[in-house]
PDB file of N, CA and C in Angstrom:
ATOM      1  N   MET A   1      58.405 127.085 105.952  1.00  0.00           N
ATOM      2  CA  MET A   1      59.823 126.852 106.099  1.00  0.00           C
ATOM      3  C   MET A   1      60.427 126.552 104.739  1.00  0.00           C
ATOM      4  N   GLY A   2      61.615 127.040 104.512  1.00  0.00           N
ATOM      5  CA  GLY A   2      62.260 126.850 103.229  1.00  0.00           C
ATOM      6  C   GLY A   2      63.311 125.763 103.244  1.00  0.00           C
ATOM      7  N   ASN A   3      63.781 125.474 102.076  1.00  0.00           N
ATOM      8  CA  ASN A   3      64.868 124.527 101.892  1.00  0.00           C
ATOM      9  C   ASN A   3      66.123 125.090 102.552  1.00  0.00           C
ATOM     10  N   LEU A   4      66.965 124.219 103.079  1.00  0.00           N
ATOM     11  CA  LEU A   4      68.194 124.636 103.741  1.00  0.00           C
ATOM     12  C   LEU A   4      69.014 125.580 102.873  1.00  0.00           C
ATOM     13  N   ASN A   5      69.070 125.344 101.573  1.00  0.00           N
ATOM     14  CA  ASN A   5      69.905 126.132 100.687  1.00  0.00           C
ATOM     15  C   ASN A   5      69.271 127.452 100.261  1.00  0.00           C
ATOM     16  N   THR A   6      67.990 127.681 100.561  1.00  0.00           N
ATOM     17  CA  THR A   6      67.345 128.936 100.171  1.00  0.00           C
ATOM     18  C   THR A   6      67.205 129.892 101.339  1.00  0.00           C
ATOM     19  N   LEU A   7      67.668 129.510 102.511  1.00  0.00           N
ATOM     20  CA  LEU A   7      67.540 130.352 103.686  1.00  0.00           C
ATOM     21  C   LEU A   7      68.863 131.004 104.027  1.00  0.00           C
ATOM     22  N   THR A   8      68.800 132.209 104.564  1.00  0.00           N
ATOM     23  CA  THR A   8      70.023 132.818 105.081  1.00  0.00           C
ATOM     24  C   THR A   8      70.316 132.169 106.428  1.00  0.00           C
ATOM     25  N   LYS A   9      71.524 132.315 106.909  1.00  0.00           N
ATOM     26  CA  LYS A   9      71.902 131.710 108.186  1.00  0.00           C
ATOM     27  C   LYS A   9      70.997 132.212 109.306  1.00  0.00           C
ATOM     28  N   THR A  10      70.681 133.499 109.314  1.00  0.00           N
ATOM     29  CA  THR A  10      69.827 134.068 110.357  1.00  0.00           C
ATOM     30  C   THR A  10      68.431 133.468 110.297  1.00  0.00           C
ATOM     31  N   ASN A  11      67.828 133.437 109.112  1.00  0.00           N
ATOM     32  CA  ASN A  11      66.490 132.865 108.973  1.00  0.00           C
ATOM     33  C   ASN A  11      66.481 131.377 109.314  1.00  0.00           C
ATOM     34  N   TYR A  12      67.544 130.702 108.989  1.00  0.00           N
ATOM     35  CA  TYR A  12      67.648 129.262 109.234  1.00  0.00           C
ATOM     36  C   TYR A  12      67.434 128.968 110.710  1.00  0.00           C
ATOM     37  N   PHE A  13      68.140 129.701 111.582  1.00  0.00           N
ATOM     38  CA  PHE A  13      68.020 129.444 113.004  1.00  0.00           C
ATOM     39  C   PHE A  13      66.751 130.047 113.590  1.00  0.00           C
ATOM     40  N   ASN A  14      66.279 131.176 113.056  1.00  0.00           N
ATOM     41  CA  ASN A  14      65.045 131.791 113.545  1.00  0.00           C
ATOM     42  C   ASN A  14      63.824 130.939 113.243  1.00  0.00           C
ATOM     43  N   GLU A  15      63.858 130.140 112.198  1.00  0.00           N
ATOM     44  CA  GLU A  15      62.706 129.318 111.837  1.00  0.00           C
ATOM     45  C   GLU A  15      62.723 127.964 112.535  1.00  0.00           C
ATOM     46  N   GLY A  16      63.650 127.762 113.449  1.00  0.00           N
ATOM     47  CA  GLY A  16      63.650 126.540 114.238  1.00  0.00           C
ATOM     48  C   GLY A  16      64.397 125.369 113.622  1.00  0.00           C
ATOM     49  N   PHE A  17      65.150 125.596 112.573  1.00  0.00           N
ATOM     50  CA  PHE A  17      65.918 124.517 111.971  1.00  0.00           C
ATOM     51  C   PHE A  17      67.130 124.193 112.842  1.00  0.00           C
ATOM     52  N   THR A  18      67.589 123.001 112.727  1.00  0.00           N
ATOM     53  CA  THR A  18      68.876 122.641 113.307  1.00  0.00           C
ATOM     54  C   THR A  18      69.746 122.124 112.177  1.00  0.00           C
ATOM     55  N   MET A  19      71.039 122.338 112.312  1.00  0.00           N
ATOM     56  CA  MET A  19      71.956 121.861 111.282  1.00  0.00           C
ATOM     57  C   MET A  19      71.913 120.342 111.262  1.00  0.00           C
ATOM     58  N   PRO A  20      71.935 119.733 110.078  1.00  0.00           N
ATOM     59  CA  PRO A  20      71.930 118.271 110.032  1.00  0.00           C
ATOM     60  C   PRO A  20      73.220 117.728 110.635  1.00  0.00           C
ATOM     61  N   SER A  21      73.101 116.633 111.354  1.00  0.00           N
ATOM     62  CA  SER A  21      74.304 116.028 111.919  1.00  0.00           C
ATOM     63  C   SER A  21      74.961 115.177 110.834  1.00  0.00           C
ATOM     64  N   LEU A  22      76.270 115.072 110.937  1.00  0.00           N
ATOM     65  CA  LEU A  22      76.994 114.287 109.945  1.00  0.00           C
ATOM     66  C   LEU A  22      76.810 112.806 110.243  1.00  0.00           C
ATOM     67  N   GLY A  23      76.415 112.069 109.232  1.00  0.00           N
ATOM     68  CA  GLY A  23      76.225 110.640 109.393  1.00  0.00           C
ATOM     69  C   GLY A  23      77.529 109.883 109.192  1.00  0.00           C
ATOM     70  N   GLU A  24      77.461 108.590 109.415  1.00  0.00           N
ATOM     71  CA  GLU A  24      78.602 107.733 109.134  1.00  0.00           C
ATOM     72  C   GLU A  24      78.905 107.808 107.641  1.00  0.00           C
ATOM     73  N   ILE A  25      80.154 107.618 107.272  1.00  0.00           N
ATOM     74  CA  ILE A  25      80.529 107.663 105.859  1.00  0.00           C
ATOM     75  C   ILE A  25      80.151 106.344 105.216  1.00  0.00           C
ATOM     76  N   LYS A  26      79.299 106.426 104.189  1.00  0.00           N
ATOM     77  CA  LYS A  26      78.852 105.243 103.466  1.00  0.00           C
ATOM     78  C   LYS A  26      79.620 105.139 102.155  1.00  0.00           C
ATOM     79  N   ILE A  27      80.091 103.963 101.839  1.00  0.00           N
ATOM     80  CA  ILE A  27      80.785 103.741 100.573  1.00  0.00           C
ATOM     81  C   ILE A  27      79.731 103.398  99.528  1.00  0.00           C
ATOM     82  N   ILE A  28      79.698 104.209  98.451  1.00  0.00           N
ATOM     83  CA  ILE A  28      78.737 103.967  97.381  1.00  0.00           C
ATOM     84  C   ILE A  28      79.445 103.994  96.035  1.00  0.00           C
ATOM     85  N   LYS A  29      78.795 103.431  95.048  1.00  0.00           N
ATOM     86  CA  LYS A  29      79.334 103.386  93.690  1.00  0.00           C
ATOM     87  C   LYS A  29      78.537 104.341  92.812  1.00  0.00           C
ATOM     88  N   ILE A  30      79.238 105.105  91.981  1.00  0.00           N
ATOM     89  CA  ILE A  30      78.558 106.011  91.054  1.00  0.00           C
ATOM     90  C   ILE A  30      78.160 105.217  89.817  1.00  0.00           C
ATOM     91  N   GLU A  31      76.907 105.298  89.472  1.00  0.00           N
ATOM     92  CA  GLU A  31      76.427 104.645  88.252  1.00  0.00           C
ATOM     93  C   GLU A  31      76.606 105.636  87.091  1.00  0.00           C
ATOM     94  N   ASP A  32      75.528 106.197  86.561  1.00  0.00           N
ATOM     95  CA  ASP A  32      75.611 107.177  85.482  1.00  0.00           C
ATOM     96  C   ASP A  32      75.902 108.585  86.007  1.00  0.00           C
ATOM     97  N   GLU A  33      75.280 108.940  87.119  1.00  0.00           N
ATOM     98  CA  GLU A  33      75.411 110.277  87.685  1.00  0.00           C
ATOM     99  C   GLU A  33      75.111 110.206  89.174  1.00  0.00           C
ATOM    100  N   LEU A  34      75.773 111.041  89.947  1.00  0.00           N
ATOM    101  CA  LEU A  34      75.475 111.128  91.377  1.00  0.00           C
ATOM    102  C   LEU A  34      75.289 112.596  91.726  1.00  0.00           C
ATOM    103  N   ARG A  35      74.039 113.024  91.776  1.00  0.00           N
ATOM    104  CA  ARG A  35      73.731 114.388  92.216  1.00  0.00           C
ATOM    105  C   ARG A  35      72.551 114.391  93.165  1.00  0.00           C
ATOM    106  N   ILE A  36      71.806 113.276  93.230  1.00  0.00           N
ATOM    107  CA  ILE A  36      70.661 113.147  94.132  1.00  0.00           C
ATOM    108  C   ILE A  36      71.075 112.326  95.345  1.00  0.00           C
ATOM    109  N   CYS A  37      70.822 112.851  96.518  1.00  0.00           N
ATOM    110  CA  CYS A  37      71.185 112.148  97.747  1.00  0.00           C
ATOM    111  C   CYS A  37      70.360 110.869  97.887  1.00  0.00           C
ATOM    112  N   PRO A  38      71.019 109.714  98.013  1.00  0.00           N
ATOM    113  CA  PRO A  38      70.286 108.460  98.186  1.00  0.00           C
ATOM    114  C   PRO A  38      69.488 108.402  99.483  1.00  0.00           C
ATOM    115  N   ASP A  39      69.879 109.164 100.506  1.00  0.00           N
ATOM    116  CA  ASP A  39      69.173 109.119 101.790  1.00  0.00           C
ATOM    117  C   ASP A  39      67.906 109.976 101.818  1.00  0.00           C
ATOM    118  N   CYS A  40      67.991 111.226 101.323  1.00  0.00           N
ATOM    119  CA  CYS A  40      66.840 112.125 101.479  1.00  0.00           C
ATOM    120  C   CYS A  40      66.228 112.590 100.158  1.00  0.00           C
ATOM    121  N   GLY A  41      66.902 112.331  99.025  1.00  0.00           N
ATOM    122  CA  GLY A  41      66.358 112.736  97.739  1.00  0.00           C
ATOM    123  C   GLY A  41      66.688 114.154  97.316  1.00  0.00           C
ATOM    124  N   TYR A  42      67.514 114.866  98.098  1.00  0.00           N
ATOM    125  CA  TYR A  42      67.928 116.220  97.721  1.00  0.00           C
ATOM    126  C   TYR A  42      68.564 116.158  96.327  1.00  0.00           C
ATOM    127  N   GLU A  43      68.159 117.064  95.424  1.00  0.00           N
ATOM    128  CA  GLU A  43      68.495 116.934  94.002  1.00  0.00           C
ATOM    129  C   GLU A  43      69.606 117.833  93.472  1.00  0.00           C
ATOM    130  N   TYR A  44      70.219 118.660  94.302  1.00  0.00           N
ATOM    131  CA  TYR A  44      71.122 119.672  93.763  1.00  0.00           C
ATOM    132  C   TYR A  44      72.593 119.465  94.095  1.00  0.00           C
ATOM    133  N   GLY A  45      73.025 118.237  94.230  1.00  0.00           N
ATOM    134  CA  GLY A  45      74.444 117.952  94.405  1.00  0.00           C
ATOM    135  C   GLY A  45      74.904 117.931  95.847  1.00  0.00           C
ATOM    136  N   PHE A  46      76.212 117.965  96.017  1.00  0.00           N
ATOM    137  CA  PHE A  46      76.841 117.743  97.314  1.00  0.00           C
ATOM    138  C   PHE A  46      77.921 118.771  97.608  1.00  0.00           C
ATOM    139  N   HIS A  47      78.190 118.946  98.886  1.00  0.00           N
ATOM    140  CA  HIS A  47      79.388 119.645  99.337  1.00  0.00           C
ATOM    141  C   HIS A  47      80.492 118.596  99.392  1.00  0.00           C
ATOM    142  N   THR A  48      81.739 119.031  99.520  1.00  0.00           N
ATOM    143  CA  THR A  48      82.837 118.078  99.654  1.00  0.00           C
ATOM    144  C   THR A  48      83.669 118.390 100.884  1.00  0.00           C
ATOM    145  N   SER A  49      84.302 117.364 101.398  1.00  0.00           N
ATOM    146  CA  SER A  49      85.280 117.537 102.464  1.00  0.00           C
ATOM    147  C   SER A  49      86.423 116.564 102.189  1.00  0.00           C
ATOM    148  N   LEU A  50      87.539 116.806 102.842  1.00  0.00           N
ATOM    149  CA  LEU A  50      88.718 115.959 102.661  1.00  0.00           C
ATOM    150  C   LEU A  50      89.088 115.338 103.993  1.00  0.00           C
ATOM    151  N   ILE A  51      89.414 114.059 103.963  1.00  0.00           N
ATOM    152  CA  ILE A  51      89.860 113.344 105.154  1.00  0.00           C
ATOM    153  C   ILE A  51      91.207 112.719 104.839  1.00  0.00           C
ATOM    154  N   ASN A  52      92.155 112.899 105.729  1.00  0.00           N
ATOM    155  CA  ASN A  52      93.475 112.315 105.543  1.00  0.00           C
ATOM    156  C   ASN A  52      93.316 110.797 105.426  1.00  0.00           C
ATOM    157  N   ALA A  53      93.733 110.233 104.316  1.00  0.00           N
ATOM    158  CA  ALA A  53      93.551 108.798 104.057  1.00  0.00           C
ATOM    159  C   ALA A  53      94.426 107.941 104.953  1.00  0.00           C
ATOM    160  N   ASN A  54      95.476 108.509 105.528  1.00  0.00           N
ATOM    161  CA  ASN A  54      96.389 107.735 106.371  1.00  0.00           C
ATOM    162  C   ASN A  54      96.206 108.033 107.858  1.00  0.00           C
ATOM    163  N   ALA A  55      95.182 108.788 108.221  1.00  0.00           N
ATOM    164  CA  ALA A  55      95.025 109.275 109.595  1.00  0.00           C
ATOM    165  C   ALA A  55      94.889 108.152 110.628  1.00  0.00           C
ATOM    166  N   ASN A  56      94.115 107.126 110.345  1.00  0.00           N
ATOM    167  CA  ASN A  56      93.840 106.096 111.343  1.00  0.00           C
ATOM    168  C   ASN A  56      94.574 104.793 111.087  1.00  0.00           C
ATOM    169  N   LYS A  57      95.611 104.838 110.292  1.00  0.00           N
ATOM    170  CA  LYS A  57      96.345 103.613 109.989  1.00  0.00           C
ATOM    171  C   LYS A  57      97.484 103.423 110.978  1.00  0.00           C
ATOM    172  N   ASP A  58      97.625 102.206 111.473  1.00  0.00           N
ATOM    173  CA  ASP A  58      98.704 101.880 112.405  1.00  0.00           C
ATOM    174  C   ASP A  58      99.863 101.215 111.687  1.00  0.00           C
ATOM    175  N   ASP A  59      99.992 101.467 110.405  1.00  0.00           N
ATOM    176  CA  ASP A  59     101.051 100.876 109.599  1.00  0.00           C
ATOM    177  C   ASP A  59     102.400 101.431 110.047  1.00  0.00           C
ATOM    178  N   PRO A  60     103.355 100.579 110.390  1.00  0.00           N
ATOM    179  CA  PRO A  60     104.665 101.081 110.819  1.00  0.00           C
ATOM    180  C   PRO A  60     105.437 101.764 109.689  1.00  0.00           C
ATOM    181  N   VAL A  61     105.098 101.448 108.452  1.00  0.00           N
ATOM    182  CA  VAL A  61     105.755 102.087 107.311  1.00  0.00           C
ATOM    183  C   VAL A  61     104.858 103.217 106.845  1.00  0.00           C
ATOM    184  N   LYS A  62     105.245 104.441 107.150  1.00  0.00           N
ATOM    185  CA  LYS A  62     104.438 105.608 106.793  1.00  0.00           C
ATOM    186  C   LYS A  62     104.766 106.064 105.378  1.00  0.00           C
ATOM    187  N   SER A  63     103.759 106.463 104.651  1.00  0.00           N
ATOM    188  CA  SER A  63     103.949 106.985 103.309  1.00  0.00           C
ATOM    189  C   SER A  63     104.424 108.433 103.406  1.00  0.00           C
ATOM    190  N   THR A  64     105.319 108.817 102.513  1.00  0.00           N
ATOM    191  CA  THR A  64     105.759 110.214 102.482  1.00  0.00           C
ATOM    192  C   THR A  64     104.808 111.058 101.655  1.00  0.00           C
ATOM    193  N   ARG A  65     103.919 110.428 100.939  1.00  0.00           N
ATOM    194  CA  ARG A  65     102.939 111.128 100.106  1.00  0.00           C
ATOM    195  C   ARG A  65     101.635 111.267 100.875  1.00  0.00           C
ATOM    196  N   GLN A  66     101.226 112.492 101.124  1.00  0.00           N
ATOM    197  CA  GLN A  66      99.984 112.717 101.854  1.00  0.00           C
ATOM    198  C   GLN A  66      98.814 112.588 100.895  1.00  0.00           C
ATOM    199  N   LEU A  67      97.871 111.721 101.232  1.00  0.00           N
ATOM    200  CA  LEU A  67      96.740 111.424 100.370  1.00  0.00           C
ATOM    201  C   LEU A  67      95.446 111.690 101.132  1.00  0.00           C
ATOM    202  N   TYR A  68      94.453 112.262 100.443  1.00  0.00           N
ATOM    203  CA  TYR A  68      93.174 112.579 101.068  1.00  0.00           C
ATOM    204  C   TYR A  68      92.031 111.867 100.362  1.00  0.00           C
ATOM    205  N   ARG A  69      91.047 111.414 101.148  1.00  0.00           N
ATOM    206  CA  ARG A  69      89.797 110.870 100.608  1.00  0.00           C
ATOM    207  C   ARG A  69      88.846 112.040 100.395  1.00  0.00           C
ATOM    208  N   VAL A  70      88.170 112.084  99.254  1.00  0.00           N
ATOM    209  CA  VAL A  70      87.159 113.112  98.984  1.00  0.00           C
ATOM    210  C   VAL A  70      85.817 112.546  99.442  1.00  0.00           C
ATOM    211  N   ILE A  71      85.178 113.238 100.375  1.00  0.00           N
ATOM    212  CA  ILE A  71      83.903 112.798 100.926  1.00  0.00           C
ATOM    213  C   ILE A  71      82.817 113.760 100.455  1.00  0.00           C
ATOM    214  N   LEU A  72      81.722 113.213  99.942  1.00  0.00           N
ATOM    215  CA  LEU A  72      80.568 114.016  99.515  1.00  0.00           C
ATOM    216  C   LEU A  72      79.596 114.123 100.680  1.00  0.00           C
ATOM    217  N   ILE A  73      79.101 115.339 100.929  1.00  0.00           N
ATOM    218  CA  ILE A  73      78.175 115.585 102.032  1.00  0.00           C
ATOM    219  C   ILE A  73      76.896 116.201 101.485  1.00  0.00           C
ATOM    220  N   CYS A  74      75.759 115.609 101.812  1.00  0.00           N
ATOM    221  CA  CYS A  74      74.472 116.176 101.403  1.00  0.00           C
ATOM    222  C   CYS A  74      74.206 117.412 102.251  1.00  0.00           C
ATOM    223  N   PRO A  75      73.982 118.574 101.620  1.00  0.00           N
ATOM    224  CA  PRO A  75      73.726 119.793 102.391  1.00  0.00           C
ATOM    225  C   PRO A  75      72.366 119.787 103.086  1.00  0.00           C
ATOM    226  N   GLU A  76      71.474 118.893 102.684  1.00  0.00           N
ATOM    227  CA  GLU A  76      70.132 118.849 103.258  1.00  0.00           C
ATOM    228  C   GLU A  76      70.061 117.967 104.509  1.00  0.00           C
ATOM    229  N   CYS A  77      70.602 116.750 104.421  1.00  0.00           N
ATOM    230  CA  CYS A  77      70.446 115.822 105.549  1.00  0.00           C
ATOM    231  C   CYS A  77      71.758 115.480 106.256  1.00  0.00           C
ATOM    232  N   GLY A  78      72.903 115.868 105.684  1.00  0.00           N
ATOM    233  CA  GLY A  78      74.182 115.601 106.322  1.00  0.00           C
ATOM    234  C   GLY A  78      74.765 114.227 106.032  1.00  0.00           C
ATOM    235  N   ALA A  79      74.103 113.444 105.185  1.00  0.00           N
ATOM    236  CA  ALA A  79      74.635 112.118 104.843  1.00  0.00           C
ATOM    237  C   ALA A  79      75.987 112.280 104.162  1.00  0.00           C
ATOM    238  N   ARG A  80      76.922 111.369 104.463  1.00  0.00           N
ATOM    239  CA  ARG A  80      78.268 111.445 103.888  1.00  0.00           C
ATOM    240  C   ARG A  80      78.545 110.188 103.075  1.00  0.00           C
ATOM    241  N   TYR A  81      79.204 110.406 101.923  1.00  0.00           N
ATOM    242  CA  TYR A  81      79.469 109.304 100.995  1.00  0.00           C
ATOM    243  C   TYR A  81      80.919 109.312 100.540  1.00  0.00           C
ATOM    244  N   ASP A  82      81.487 108.122 100.436  1.00  0.00           N
ATOM    245  CA  ASP A  82      82.825 107.926  99.879  1.00  0.00           C
ATOM    246  C   ASP A  82      82.630 107.176  98.566  1.00  0.00           C
ATOM    247  N   VAL A  83      83.003 107.822  97.458  1.00  0.00           N
ATOM    248  CA  VAL A  83      82.854 107.184  96.141  1.00  0.00           C
ATOM    249  C   VAL A  83      84.191 106.682  95.603  1.00  0.00           C
ATOM    250  N   GLY A  84      85.218 106.692  96.449  1.00  0.00           N
ATOM    251  CA  GLY A  84      86.513 106.148  96.072  1.00  0.00           C
ATOM    252  C   GLY A  84      87.505 107.140  95.502  1.00  0.00           C
ATOM    253  N   TRP A  85      87.177 108.423  95.542  1.00  0.00           N
ATOM    254  CA  TRP A  85      88.109 109.419  95.006  1.00  0.00           C
ATOM    255  C   TRP A  85      89.182 109.716  96.041  1.00  0.00           C
ATOM    256  N   LYS A  86      90.419 109.777  95.598  1.00  0.00           N
ATOM    257  CA  LYS A  86      91.537 110.166  96.458  1.00  0.00           C
ATOM    258  C   LYS A  86      92.377 111.189  95.709  1.00  0.00           C
ATOM    259  N   ILE A  87      92.865 112.185  96.431  1.00  0.00           N
ATOM    260  CA  ILE A  87      93.714 113.199  95.810  1.00  0.00           C
ATOM    261  C   ILE A  87      94.966 113.396  96.660  1.00  0.00           C
ATOM    262  N   PRO A  88      96.099 113.683  96.007  1.00  0.00           N
ATOM    263  CA  PRO A  88      97.319 113.968  96.778  1.00  0.00           C
ATOM    264  C   PRO A  88      97.309 115.413  97.255  1.00  0.00           C
ATOM    265  N   ALA A  89      98.028 115.653  98.334  1.00  0.00           N
ATOM    266  CA  ALA A  89      98.206 117.023  98.809  1.00  0.00           C
ATOM    267  C   ALA A  89      99.106 117.754  97.824  1.00  0.00           C
ATOM    268  N   ALA A  90      98.853 119.025  97.623  1.00  0.00           N
ATOM    269  CA  ALA A  90      99.687 119.818  96.720  1.00  0.00           C
ATOM    270  C   ALA A  90     101.074 119.969  97.325  1.00  0.00           C
ATOM    271  N   GLU A  91     102.052 119.863  96.490  1.00  0.00           N
ATOM    272  CA  GLU A  91     103.434 120.041  96.922  1.00  0.00           C
ATOM    273  C   GLU A  91     103.981 121.252  96.184  1.00  0.00           C
ATOM    274  N   TRP A  92     103.586 122.428  96.647  1.00  0.00           N
ATOM    275  CA  TRP A  92     103.884 123.660  95.925  1.00  0.00           C
ATOM    276  C   TRP A  92     105.377 123.910  95.760  1.00  0.00           C
ATOM    277  N   GLY A  93     106.164 123.560  96.737  1.00  0.00           N
ATOM    278  CA  GLY A  93     107.598 123.820  96.651  1.00  0.00           C
ATOM    279  C   GLY A  93     108.314 122.958  95.622  1.00  0.00           C
ATOM    280  N   ASN A  94     107.721 121.846  95.220  1.00  0.00           N
ATOM    281  CA  ASN A  94     108.372 120.912  94.307  1.00  0.00           C
ATOM    282  C   ASN A  94     107.871 121.020  92.871  1.00  0.00           C
ATOM    283  N   ARG A  95     107.156 122.054  92.528  1.00  0.00           N
ATOM    284  CA  ARG A  95     106.585 122.190  91.184  1.00  0.00           C
ATOM    285  C   ARG A  95     107.595 122.690  90.150  1.00  0.00           C
ATOM    286  N   ILE A  96     108.665 123.333  90.579  1.00  0.00           N
ATOM    287  CA  ILE A  96     109.639 123.898  89.646  1.00  0.00           C
ATOM    288  C   ILE A  96     110.708 122.852  89.358  1.00  0.00           C
ATOM    289  N   VAL A  97     110.926 122.592  88.096  1.00  0.00           N
ATOM    290  CA  VAL A  97     111.940 121.629  87.696  1.00  0.00           C
ATOM    291  C   VAL A  97     113.075 122.400  87.042  1.00  0.00           C
ATOM    292  N   LYS A  98     114.267 122.271  87.578  1.00  0.00           N
ATOM    293  CA  LYS A  98     115.425 122.964  87.024  1.00  0.00           C
ATOM    294  C   LYS A  98     116.144 122.006  86.073  1.00  0.00           C
ATOM    295  N   THR A  99     116.408 122.485  84.876  1.00  0.00           N
ATOM    296  CA  THR A  99     117.138 121.691  83.887  1.00  0.00           C
ATOM    297  C   THR A  99     118.289 122.525  83.347  1.00  0.00           C
ATOM    298  N   PRO A 100     119.352 121.871  82.912  1.00  0.00           N
ATOM    299  CA  PRO A 100     120.459 122.644  82.335  1.00  0.00           C
ATOM    300  C   PRO A 100     120.027 123.271  81.013  1.00  0.00           C
ATOM    301  N   ALA A 101     120.539 124.457  80.757  1.00  0.00           N
ATOM    302  CA  ALA A 101     120.221 125.151  79.506  1.00  0.00           C
ATOM    303  C   ALA A 101     120.958 124.493  78.348  1.00  0.00           C
ATOM    304  N   LEU A 102     120.326 124.418  77.210  1.00  0.00           N
ATOM    305  CA  LEU A 102     120.940 123.878  76.007  1.00  0.00           C
ATOM    306  C   LEU A 102     121.024 125.006  74.985  1.00  0.00           C
ATOM    307  N   HIS A 103     122.214 125.401  74.654  1.00  0.00           N
ATOM    308  CA  HIS A 103     122.403 126.504  73.714  1.00  0.00           C
ATOM    309  C   HIS A 103     122.268 125.985  72.286  1.00  0.00           C
ATOM    310  N   LEU A 104     121.485 126.669  71.491  1.00  0.00           N
ATOM    311  CA  LEU A 104     121.272 126.256  70.091  1.00  0.00           C
ATOM    312  C   LEU A 104     122.544 126.358  69.266  1.00  0.00           C
ATOM    313  N   SER A 105     123.457 127.232  69.671  1.00  0.00           N
ATOM    314  CA  SER A 105     124.699 127.395  68.904  1.00  0.00           C
ATOM    315  C   SER A 105     125.585 126.150  68.996  1.00  0.00           C
ATOM    316  N   ARG A 106     125.356 125.292  69.946  1.00  0.00           N
ATOM    317  CA  ARG A 106     126.161 124.092  70.100  1.00  0.00           C
ATOM    318  C   ARG A 106     125.589 122.892  69.356  1.00  0.00           C
ATOM    319  N   LEU A 107     124.451 123.021  68.742  1.00  0.00           N
ATOM    320  CA  LEU A 107     123.831 121.904  68.021  1.00  0.00           C
ATOM    321  C   LEU A 107     124.419 121.686  66.654  1.00  0.00           C
TER     322      LEU A 107
END
């Protein structure tokens, strides 16, 4: 049997593997480097997923800024880690800033 990442999807299921179940999200701190899974020892990094940071909050004052938690997932065992990274949702429509033109002849 091969490593999860060296098998094709067809071979993966034909060899009797099951997809790893996603574990509870564990909060961990990055020391010098984080590429080895603390749970299973897998050495080749992580997949990522995004979770809405405001999804389960019952705060009556809702933020207008959508923020996501970046979750690292071990592709070998399914362990999930939160290292404290948060990213805002892209606001593509608001990227253009209109400013009045300044003519050099008026300087």
